[in-house]
Amino acid sequence: MKIAMLGTGYVGLVSGVCFSDFGHEVVCVDKDPRKIEMLKAGKVPIFEPGLDRLMATNVDAGRLTFTLDLAEALDGAEAVFIAVGTPTRRGDGHADLTYVMAAAREIAETAKDYIVVVTKSTVPVGTNRKVAQELAAANPELEFDVASNPEFLREGAAIDDFMKPDRVVVGVQTDRAAQVMAEIYRPLFLRDFPIVTTDLESAEMIKYAANAFLATKITFINEIAALCEKVGADVKQVSKGMGLDGRIGNKFLHAGPGYGGSCFPKDTKALARIGQEHAAPMQITEAVIQINEEVKRRMVEKLRDLCDGSFNGKTVAVLGVTFKPNTDDMRDAPSLTIVPALVGGGAKVRVTDPQGRHEGEALLPGVDWCADAYEAADKADLVVILTEWNEFRALDLGRIAGSMASPRMADLRNIYSEEVASGAGFTEYTSIGRGREASARAG
């Protein structure tokens, strides 16, 4: 089957590469000549483990190509996936559908034969019906179906998520569209991965409901962590005890400095907006959005306390600025709240991140970038672990503490413990959700 993938951002590129690995002929289209040039040269414009190798394999096999020409991509294609950006619209929190609708119009004006237009981008409920209206208005003669196929890719583990999904969700209106989608995902069906076929609105809602629920789990454990600090409990033990309950599960119960990334912030805001528009307020989701921002601000105060009440004149080493490990994505990362607060408070901030500098240089002005944690911590007054990259899980803490002007650590991912840190020479250590006694017990 020939598939066109419209958009070579994170979702479009990962999906296109993986579809080609299924054996389909995939043509990825983008308007950005620089990006297409990079891809044709075998360079991946995003960081995702294993994507470069899988892309090269399928390009060499002749199943995967890249082009600026939509007509070339659609020629002979049975399905075209819309995988363009849906950023949060300024002012109202809704998803901006400008790029989605523009893509629909271009498809309608270019396609010659029957085609299934599949929305891969995350879009508000009702969007796929609007896409169908846009297609029909732009080309009344075109025979087409619209399908909703939301993505559930975790950055840093996207290839595994695509190849071994918890489920694939497909929203369709006709049997013909369902058959095309079934053929596209046949390799997964043959390996007994669940394919959930539903109507358009349910498919759209599943995506938002799933992400809002996961964001709620993260925010809930962060609130519990704040209480643990007050009462002397250990949130890691609390999370473990909760997660062993099969009705709850252990995923997304790791306390930290708040969620970020390309999905949770955008999708929770969009779901809240959808609820407001339909007079069915998403009160839990609205609270989650507010509390998540408060969590980030609480981290700033935690760091200020470690700096004797003021950042002014202090040197702070920040380890990790991407919103999670194994990605270069900085979107809504806690670092974008915490680092500017340090700089604005008068601190000299040194930053190190295995993949964050490419985006971070523009997003975090006024910081010094370092090659590793040891360079960043030299003569520093405070070291902050902000992203749990593997490089930061087995640091020589004695070496770091010995090089600091004032050996203090804020472990905002609970990688270490007070016992381990003090044994390495740190005079002060703080973490998330562990009262002082609990921290001392946690080594």
Protein backbone atom coordinates (compact mmCIF):
# COMPACT_ATOMS: atom_id res chain seq x y z
CA MET A 1 0.00 0.00 0.00
CA LYS A 2 1.20 3.53 -0.73
CA ILE A 3 0.81 6.05 2.08
CA ALA A 4 1.46 9.81 2.08
CA MET A 5 2.53 11.41 5.37
CA LEU A 6 1.86 15.14 5.45
CA GLY A 7 4.24 16.72 7.97
CA THR A 8 7.68 15.52 9.08
CA GLY A 9 7.61 16.73 12.67
CA TYR A 10 7.90 14.31 15.57
CA VAL A 11 4.65 12.40 14.96
CA GLY A 12 4.77 12.46 11.17
CA LEU A 13 8.37 11.34 10.85
CA VAL A 14 8.16 8.55 13.43
CA SER A 15 4.87 7.31 11.95
CA GLY A 16 6.14 7.48 8.38
CA VAL A 17 9.34 5.60 9.18
CA CYS A 18 7.47 2.91 11.13
CA PHE A 19 4.81 2.46 8.44
CA SER A 20 7.57 1.94 5.89
CA ASP A 21 9.08 -0.67 8.18
CA PHE A 22 5.72 -2.48 8.06
CA GLY A 23 6.39 -2.86 4.32
CA HIS A 24 4.27 0.01 3.00
CA GLU A 25 5.55 2.52 0.46
CA VAL A 26 5.64 5.82 2.34
CA VAL A 27 6.25 9.31 0.97
CA CYS A 28 6.77 11.99 3.61
CA VAL A 29 5.88 15.54 2.56
CA ASP A 30 6.87 18.84 4.14
CA LYS A 31 6.84 22.52 3.12
CA ASP A 32 10.21 23.19 4.73
CA PRO A 33 12.96 22.74 2.08
CA ARG A 34 15.67 22.67 4.75
CA LYS A 35 14.00 19.78 6.56
CA ILE A 36 13.46 17.76 3.38
CA GLU A 37 17.08 18.36 2.39
CA MET A 38 18.23 17.06 5.77
CA LEU A 39 16.03 13.97 5.51
CA LYS A 40 17.19 13.21 1.97
CA ALA A 41 20.76 13.44 3.26
CA GLY A 42 19.92 10.86 5.93
CA LYS A 43 19.89 13.32 8.82
CA VAL A 44 17.08 13.25 11.40
CA PRO A 45 15.98 16.74 12.53
CA ILE A 46 14.78 15.46 15.93
CA PHE A 47 16.38 13.30 18.59
CA GLU A 48 14.62 9.98 19.04
CA PRO A 49 16.66 6.88 19.94
CA GLY A 50 16.93 4.43 17.03
CA LEU A 51 15.03 6.58 14.52
CA ASP A 52 18.08 7.40 12.38
CA ARG A 53 18.96 3.72 11.89
CA LEU A 54 15.37 2.65 11.12
CA MET A 55 14.97 5.53 8.67
CA ALA A 56 18.20 4.63 6.85
CA THR A 57 17.16 0.97 6.59
CA ASN A 58 13.84 1.79 4.92
CA VAL A 59 15.27 4.48 2.65
CA ASP A 60 17.86 1.95 1.45
CA ALA A 61 15.08 -0.58 0.87
CA GLY A 62 13.25 1.93 -1.33
CA ARG A 63 10.14 2.04 0.84
CA LEU A 64 10.65 5.54 2.28
CA THR A 65 11.14 8.82 0.40
CA PHE A 66 10.86 12.53 1.14
CA THR A 67 9.50 15.32 -1.03
CA LEU A 68 8.20 18.89 -1.14
CA ASP A 69 5.70 17.88 -3.86
CA LEU A 70 2.27 16.89 -2.51
CA ALA A 71 1.09 15.71 -5.95
CA GLU A 72 4.00 13.27 -6.10
CA ALA A 73 3.14 11.94 -2.65
CA LEU A 74 -0.58 11.52 -3.39
CA ASP A 75 -0.14 9.86 -6.77
CA GLY A 76 -1.36 6.28 -6.25
CA ALA A 77 -1.72 6.68 -2.47
CA GLU A 78 -4.66 4.97 -0.77
CA ALA A 79 -4.32 7.00 2.42
CA VAL A 80 -2.84 10.34 3.43
CA PHE A 81 -2.05 11.11 7.05
CA ILE A 82 -2.27 14.68 8.33
CA ALA A 83 0.47 15.01 10.95
CA VAL A 84 0.93 18.77 11.19
CA GLY A 85 1.18 20.92 14.31
CA THR A 86 -1.83 21.81 16.47
CA PRO A 87 -0.27 24.29 18.91
CA THR A 88 -2.25 25.87 21.72
CA ARG A 89 -3.95 28.98 20.39
CA ARG A 90 -3.03 32.17 22.19
CA GLY A 91 -5.77 33.67 24.32
CA ASP A 92 -8.25 30.81 24.59
CA GLY A 93 -6.24 27.61 25.20
CA HIS A 94 -7.79 25.80 22.23
CA ALA A 95 -5.82 23.78 19.68
CA ASP A 96 -4.97 25.85 16.60
CA LEU A 97 -6.36 23.99 13.58
CA THR A 98 -4.96 26.36 10.94
CA TYR A 99 -2.40 23.86 9.66
CA VAL A 100 -4.83 20.93 9.72
CA MET A 101 -7.44 22.75 7.64
CA ALA A 102 -4.82 24.08 5.23
CA ALA A 103 -3.58 20.53 4.74
CA ALA A 104 -7.13 19.29 4.07
CA ARG A 105 -7.64 21.96 1.40
CA GLU A 106 -4.37 21.13 -0.32
CA ILE A 107 -5.18 17.42 -0.31
CA ALA A 108 -8.60 18.08 -1.85
CA GLU A 109 -7.11 20.31 -4.54
CA THR A 110 -4.38 17.80 -5.40
CA ALA A 111 -5.88 14.29 -5.04
CA LYS A 112 -7.21 12.61 -8.20
CA ASP A 113 -8.72 9.35 -6.92
CA TYR A 114 -10.49 7.98 -3.86
CA ILE A 115 -8.38 8.45 -0.76
CA VAL A 116 -8.73 8.06 3.00
CA VAL A 117 -7.69 11.26 4.76
CA VAL A 118 -6.43 10.29 8.21
CA THR A 119 -6.00 12.83 10.99
CA LYS A 120 -2.94 11.81 13.03
CA SER A 121 -2.55 15.19 14.71
CA THR A 122 -4.26 15.65 18.08
CA VAL A 123 -7.42 17.62 17.38
CA PRO A 124 -10.51 18.71 19.36
CA VAL A 125 -13.64 16.59 19.21
CA GLY A 126 -15.57 17.37 16.03
CA THR A 127 -12.52 18.31 13.97
CA ASN A 128 -12.64 15.31 11.64
CA ARG A 129 -16.16 16.22 10.55
CA LYS A 130 -14.90 19.75 9.85
CA VAL A 131 -12.03 18.25 7.84
CA ALA A 132 -14.60 16.34 5.78
CA GLN A 133 -16.53 19.56 5.15
CA GLU A 134 -13.30 21.34 4.15
CA LEU A 135 -12.43 18.56 1.70
CA ALA A 136 -15.89 18.57 0.14
CA ALA A 137 -15.95 22.35 -0.19
CA ALA A 138 -12.49 22.51 -1.78
CA ASN A 139 -13.22 19.72 -4.31
CA PRO A 140 -16.87 18.56 -4.59
CA GLU A 141 -15.85 15.91 -7.15
CA LEU A 142 -13.33 14.15 -4.91
CA GLU A 143 -14.28 10.77 -3.50
CA PHE A 144 -12.86 10.38 -0.02
CA ASP A 145 -13.34 9.17 3.54
CA VAL A 146 -12.05 10.73 6.73
CA ALA A 147 -10.56 8.73 9.60
CA SER A 148 -9.27 9.63 13.04
CA ASN A 149 -6.11 7.83 14.17
CA PRO A 150 -4.65 9.57 17.24
CA GLU A 151 -1.06 8.88 18.19
CA PHE A 152 0.11 7.60 21.58
CA LEU A 153 3.87 7.98 21.24
CA ARG A 154 6.11 8.67 24.22
CA GLU A 155 9.13 10.73 23.31
CA GLY A 156 12.24 8.65 23.89
CA ALA A 157 10.33 5.39 23.34
CA ALA A 158 8.32 6.24 20.22
CA ILE A 159 9.48 3.41 17.97
CA ASP A 160 8.62 0.75 20.54
CA ASP A 161 5.29 2.47 21.18
CA PHE A 162 4.47 2.37 17.47
CA MET A 163 5.65 -1.19 16.87
CA LYS A 164 4.29 -2.64 20.15
CA PRO A 165 1.34 -0.41 21.04
CA ASP A 166 -1.01 -0.82 23.99
CA ARG A 167 -3.71 -0.20 21.40
CA VAL A 168 -4.36 1.42 18.04
CA VAL A 169 -7.44 3.67 17.90
CA VAL A 170 -9.20 4.16 14.58
CA GLY A 171 -12.31 6.29 14.12
CA VAL A 172 -14.20 5.82 10.84
CA GLN A 173 -17.60 6.45 9.25
CA THR A 174 -17.65 3.81 6.50
CA ASP A 175 -16.72 0.15 6.01
CA ARG A 176 -14.51 1.15 3.08
CA ALA A 177 -12.39 3.41 5.29
CA ALA A 178 -12.28 0.73 7.98
CA GLN A 179 -10.91 -1.77 5.44
CA VAL A 180 -8.16 0.62 4.31
CA MET A 181 -7.14 1.31 7.91
CA ALA A 182 -7.22 -2.40 8.73
CA GLU A 183 -4.84 -3.08 5.84
CA ILE A 184 -2.48 -0.32 7.00
CA TYR A 185 -2.30 -1.80 10.51
CA ARG A 186 -2.48 -5.45 9.44
CA PRO A 187 1.07 -6.22 10.70
CA LEU A 188 0.00 -5.25 14.22
CA PHE A 189 -3.33 -7.09 13.99
CA LEU A 190 -1.49 -10.28 12.99
CA ARG A 191 0.59 -9.98 16.17
CA ASP A 192 -2.57 -9.58 18.31
CA PHE A 193 -2.12 -5.94 19.28
CA PRO A 194 -5.55 -4.44 20.06
CA ILE A 195 -7.15 -2.37 17.26
CA VAL A 196 -10.03 -0.29 18.63
CA THR A 197 -12.37 0.77 15.82
CA THR A 198 -14.92 3.39 16.76
CA ASP A 199 -16.71 6.49 15.52
CA LEU A 200 -14.86 9.74 14.81
CA GLU A 201 -15.83 11.58 18.00
CA SER A 202 -14.95 8.69 20.30
CA ALA A 203 -11.51 8.33 18.70
CA GLU A 204 -10.86 12.05 19.16
CA MET A 205 -12.02 11.92 22.78
CA ILE A 206 -9.95 8.85 23.68
CA LYS A 207 -6.75 10.77 22.98
CA TYR A 208 -7.66 13.74 25.19
CA ALA A 209 -9.15 11.61 27.97
CA ALA A 210 -6.05 9.37 28.11
CA ASN A 211 -3.57 12.24 28.29
CA ALA A 212 -5.63 14.19 30.81
CA PHE A 213 -5.85 11.11 33.03
CA LEU A 214 -2.08 10.54 32.92
CA ALA A 215 -1.45 14.22 33.67
CA THR A 216 -3.83 13.86 36.61
CA LYS A 217 -1.86 10.89 37.99
CA ILE A 218 1.37 12.89 37.82
CA THR A 219 -0.22 15.92 39.46
CA PHE A 220 -1.88 13.82 42.16
CA ILE A 221 1.41 12.24 43.23
CA ASN A 222 3.08 15.67 43.22
CA GLU A 223 0.43 16.93 45.63
CA ILE A 224 0.91 13.85 47.79
CA ALA A 225 4.66 14.53 47.69
CA ALA A 226 4.14 18.02 49.13
CA LEU A 227 2.14 16.51 51.99
CA CYS A 228 4.77 13.79 52.53
CA GLU A 229 7.37 16.49 53.10
CA LYS A 230 5.23 17.98 55.86
CA VAL A 231 4.38 14.74 57.67
CA GLY A 232 7.70 12.88 57.24
CA ALA A 233 6.52 10.23 54.80
CA ASP A 234 8.49 9.02 51.76
CA VAL A 235 6.62 9.53 48.49
CA LYS A 236 8.64 6.80 46.78
CA GLN A 237 7.32 4.27 49.27
CA VAL A 238 3.83 5.74 49.03
CA SER A 239 3.93 5.47 45.23
CA LYS A 240 5.11 1.88 45.44
CA GLY A 241 2.33 0.97 47.86
CA MET A 242 -0.27 2.65 45.67
CA GLY A 243 1.04 1.26 42.40
CA LEU A 244 0.85 -2.36 43.52
CA ASP A 245 -2.93 -1.98 43.50
CA GLY A 246 -3.93 -3.32 40.08
CA ARG A 247 -6.71 -0.75 39.85
CA ILE A 248 -4.14 2.07 40.08
CA GLY A 249 -0.94 0.76 38.48
CA ASN A 250 2.61 1.99 39.06
CA LYS A 251 3.11 4.16 35.95
CA PHE A 252 3.05 7.97 36.10
CA LEU A 253 3.36 7.95 39.89
CA HIS A 254 6.87 9.41 40.07
CA ALA A 255 6.98 12.71 41.94
CA GLY A 256 8.92 15.52 40.29
CA PRO A 257 8.94 19.20 39.29
CA GLY A 258 5.76 19.01 37.19
CA TYR A 259 4.84 17.62 33.79
CA GLY A 260 5.80 19.21 30.48
CA GLY A 261 6.38 18.21 26.87
CA SER A 262 4.45 18.41 23.64
CA CYS A 263 1.27 16.61 24.75
CA PHE A 264 0.12 16.95 28.34
CA PRO A 265 0.16 20.77 28.65
CA LYS A 266 -1.45 21.28 25.25
CA ASP A 267 -4.01 18.49 25.53
CA THR A 268 -5.19 19.33 29.05
CA LYS A 269 -5.75 22.95 28.02
CA ALA A 270 -7.63 21.87 24.90
CA LEU A 271 -9.82 19.43 26.85
CA ALA A 272 -10.65 22.13 29.39
CA ARG A 273 -11.60 24.44 26.54
CA ILE A 274 -13.77 21.80 24.86
CA GLY A 275 -15.60 21.28 28.15
CA GLN A 276 -16.24 25.01 28.52
CA GLU A 277 -17.57 25.28 24.98
CA HIS A 278 -20.04 22.45 25.57
CA ALA A 279 -21.15 23.57 29.06
CA ALA A 280 -19.58 20.47 30.61
CA PRO A 281 -16.67 21.91 32.61
CA MET A 282 -13.67 19.61 33.03
CA GLN A 283 -13.11 20.69 36.62
CA ILE A 284 -10.55 18.02 37.48
CA THR A 285 -8.52 18.82 34.37
CA GLU A 286 -8.72 22.55 35.08
CA ALA A 287 -7.40 21.91 38.61
CA VAL A 288 -4.59 19.74 37.22
CA ILE A 289 -3.45 22.56 34.92
CA GLN A 290 -3.39 25.05 37.80
CA ILE A 291 -1.68 22.73 40.28
CA ASN A 292 1.01 21.75 37.77
CA GLU A 293 2.04 25.40 37.45
CA GLU A 294 2.05 25.70 41.25
CA VAL A 295 4.32 22.65 41.50
CA LYS A 296 6.91 24.33 39.26
CA ARG A 297 6.77 27.50 41.34
CA ARG A 298 7.13 25.43 44.52
CA MET A 299 10.36 24.02 43.11
CA VAL A 300 11.71 27.56 42.76
CA GLU A 301 11.00 28.23 46.45
CA LYS A 302 12.66 24.94 47.41
CA LEU A 303 15.82 26.06 45.59
CA ARG A 304 15.63 29.53 47.13
CA ASP A 305 15.56 28.00 50.62
CA LEU A 306 18.74 26.06 49.79
CA CYS A 307 20.35 29.35 48.72
CA ASP A 308 19.72 30.99 52.11
CA GLY A 309 16.67 32.87 50.85
CA SER A 310 18.23 34.55 47.80
CA PHE A 311 19.69 33.53 44.44
CA ASN A 312 21.61 36.78 44.12
CA GLY A 313 25.34 36.15 43.72
CA LYS A 314 24.97 32.36 43.86
CA THR A 315 26.29 29.95 41.23
CA VAL A 316 23.80 27.19 40.41
CA ALA A 317 24.47 24.10 38.29
CA VAL A 318 21.37 22.69 36.57
CA LEU A 319 21.61 19.10 35.34
CA GLY A 320 19.06 18.48 32.59
CA VAL A 321 16.65 20.94 30.95
CA THR A 322 14.58 18.82 28.54
CA PHE A 323 11.14 17.88 29.87
CA LYS A 324 12.22 14.22 30.16
CA PRO A 325 15.25 12.05 29.28
CA ASN A 326 15.94 10.64 25.81
CA THR A 327 14.49 13.61 23.95
CA ASP A 328 15.61 17.08 22.87
CA ASP A 329 12.11 18.48 23.44
CA MET A 330 11.95 21.59 25.63
CA ARG A 331 8.23 22.34 25.23
CA ASP A 332 6.70 23.36 28.57
CA ALA A 333 9.64 21.79 30.41
CA PRO A 334 9.90 22.68 34.13
CA SER A 335 13.30 24.20 33.30
CA LEU A 336 11.53 27.00 31.41
CA THR A 337 10.01 28.13 34.72
CA ILE A 338 12.83 27.28 37.10
CA VAL A 339 15.93 28.46 35.20
CA PRO A 340 14.56 31.95 34.36
CA ALA A 341 13.63 32.35 38.03
CA LEU A 342 17.24 31.59 39.00
CA VAL A 343 18.64 33.99 36.41
CA GLY A 344 16.08 36.67 37.29
CA GLY A 345 17.00 36.32 40.96
CA GLY A 346 20.63 37.15 40.25
CA ALA A 347 22.15 33.66 40.09
CA LYS A 348 24.91 32.65 37.72
CA VAL A 349 23.44 29.54 36.10
CA ARG A 350 25.41 26.76 34.46
CA VAL A 351 23.49 24.17 32.46
CA THR A 352 24.32 20.75 31.06
CA ASP A 353 22.05 18.42 29.10
CA PRO A 354 22.93 15.60 26.67
CA GLN A 355 20.45 16.84 24.04
CA GLY A 356 18.94 20.10 25.30
CA ARG A 357 21.40 22.69 24.07
CA HIS A 358 20.10 22.86 20.48
CA GLU A 359 16.73 24.23 21.60
CA GLY A 360 17.82 25.46 25.01
CA GLU A 361 20.26 28.13 23.84
CA ALA A 362 17.38 30.21 22.47
CA LEU A 363 14.89 29.34 25.22
CA LEU A 364 17.22 29.88 28.20
CA PRO A 365 19.14 33.11 27.66
CA GLY A 366 21.69 34.21 30.21
CA VAL A 367 23.03 30.74 31.14
CA ASP A 368 26.42 29.13 30.57
CA TRP A 369 26.39 25.74 28.84
CA CYS A 370 28.80 23.09 30.12
CA ALA A 371 30.05 19.80 28.72
CA ASP A 372 29.11 17.70 31.74
CA ALA A 373 27.92 17.75 35.34
CA TYR A 374 31.45 18.07 36.73
CA GLU A 375 32.23 21.22 34.77
CA ALA A 376 28.84 22.69 35.70
CA ALA A 377 29.26 22.00 39.41
CA ASP A 378 32.82 23.36 39.77
CA LYS A 379 32.81 26.17 42.38
CA ALA A 380 28.97 26.15 42.40
CA ASP A 381 26.84 26.88 45.47
CA LEU A 382 24.04 24.51 44.48
CA VAL A 383 23.56 21.62 42.06
CA VAL A 384 20.03 20.88 40.82
CA ILE A 385 19.02 17.59 39.18
CA LEU A 386 16.12 18.59 36.95
CA THR A 387 15.96 15.81 34.30
CA GLU A 388 16.72 12.18 35.12
CA TRP A 389 19.12 11.38 32.26
CA ASN A 390 21.07 8.17 32.82
CA GLU A 391 24.26 10.25 32.85
CA PHE A 392 23.10 11.79 36.12
CA ARG A 393 22.15 8.54 37.87
CA ALA A 394 25.68 7.37 38.62
CA LEU A 395 27.63 10.56 39.23
CA ASP A 396 30.79 10.62 41.36
CA LEU A 397 29.05 12.65 44.06
CA GLY A 398 32.21 12.91 46.14
CA ARG A 399 34.03 14.53 43.24
CA ILE A 400 31.16 16.95 42.66
CA ALA A 401 30.78 17.90 46.33
CA GLY A 402 34.53 18.35 46.68
CA SER A 403 34.65 20.79 43.76
CA MET A 404 31.76 22.99 44.94
CA ALA A 405 32.03 26.25 46.83
CA SER A 406 29.07 25.16 48.93
CA PRO A 407 28.11 21.48 48.49
CA ARG A 408 24.31 21.57 48.35
CA MET A 409 22.01 19.44 46.18
CA ALA A 410 18.39 19.74 45.08
CA ASP A 411 17.46 16.32 43.71
CA LEU A 412 14.16 17.08 41.99
CA ARG A 413 13.89 13.57 40.52
CA ASN A 414 14.69 11.55 43.69
CA ILE A 415 17.65 9.82 42.07
CA TYR A 416 19.73 9.79 45.26
CA SER A 417 18.98 10.08 48.98
CA GLU A 418 20.03 12.27 51.89
CA GLU A 419 22.13 9.43 53.30
CA VAL A 420 24.05 8.94 50.03
CA ALA A 421 24.46 12.67 49.46
CA SER A 422 25.70 13.44 52.97
CA GLY A 423 28.07 10.47 52.75
CA ALA A 424 29.54 12.02 49.61
CA GLY A 425 30.16 15.34 51.36
CA PHE A 426 27.03 17.37 50.65
CA THR A 427 26.16 19.57 53.59
CA GLU A 428 22.56 20.05 52.47
CA TYR A 429 20.28 17.86 50.37
CA THR A 430 16.62 18.15 49.44
CA SER A 431 14.42 15.99 47.27
CA ILE A 432 10.73 15.66 46.37
CA GLY A 433 8.18 14.23 48.79
CA ARG A 434 10.55 12.96 51.43
CA GLY A 435 10.48 14.44 54.91
CA ARG A 436 13.91 14.67 56.48
CA GLU A 437 13.60 11.40 58.42
CA ALA A 438 12.20 9.58 55.38
CA SER A 439 15.07 10.91 53.24
CA ALA A 440 17.62 9.63 55.72
CA ARG A 441 16.01 6.18 55.66
CA ALA A 442 15.85 6.03 51.86
CA GLY A 443 19.40 5.14 50.91
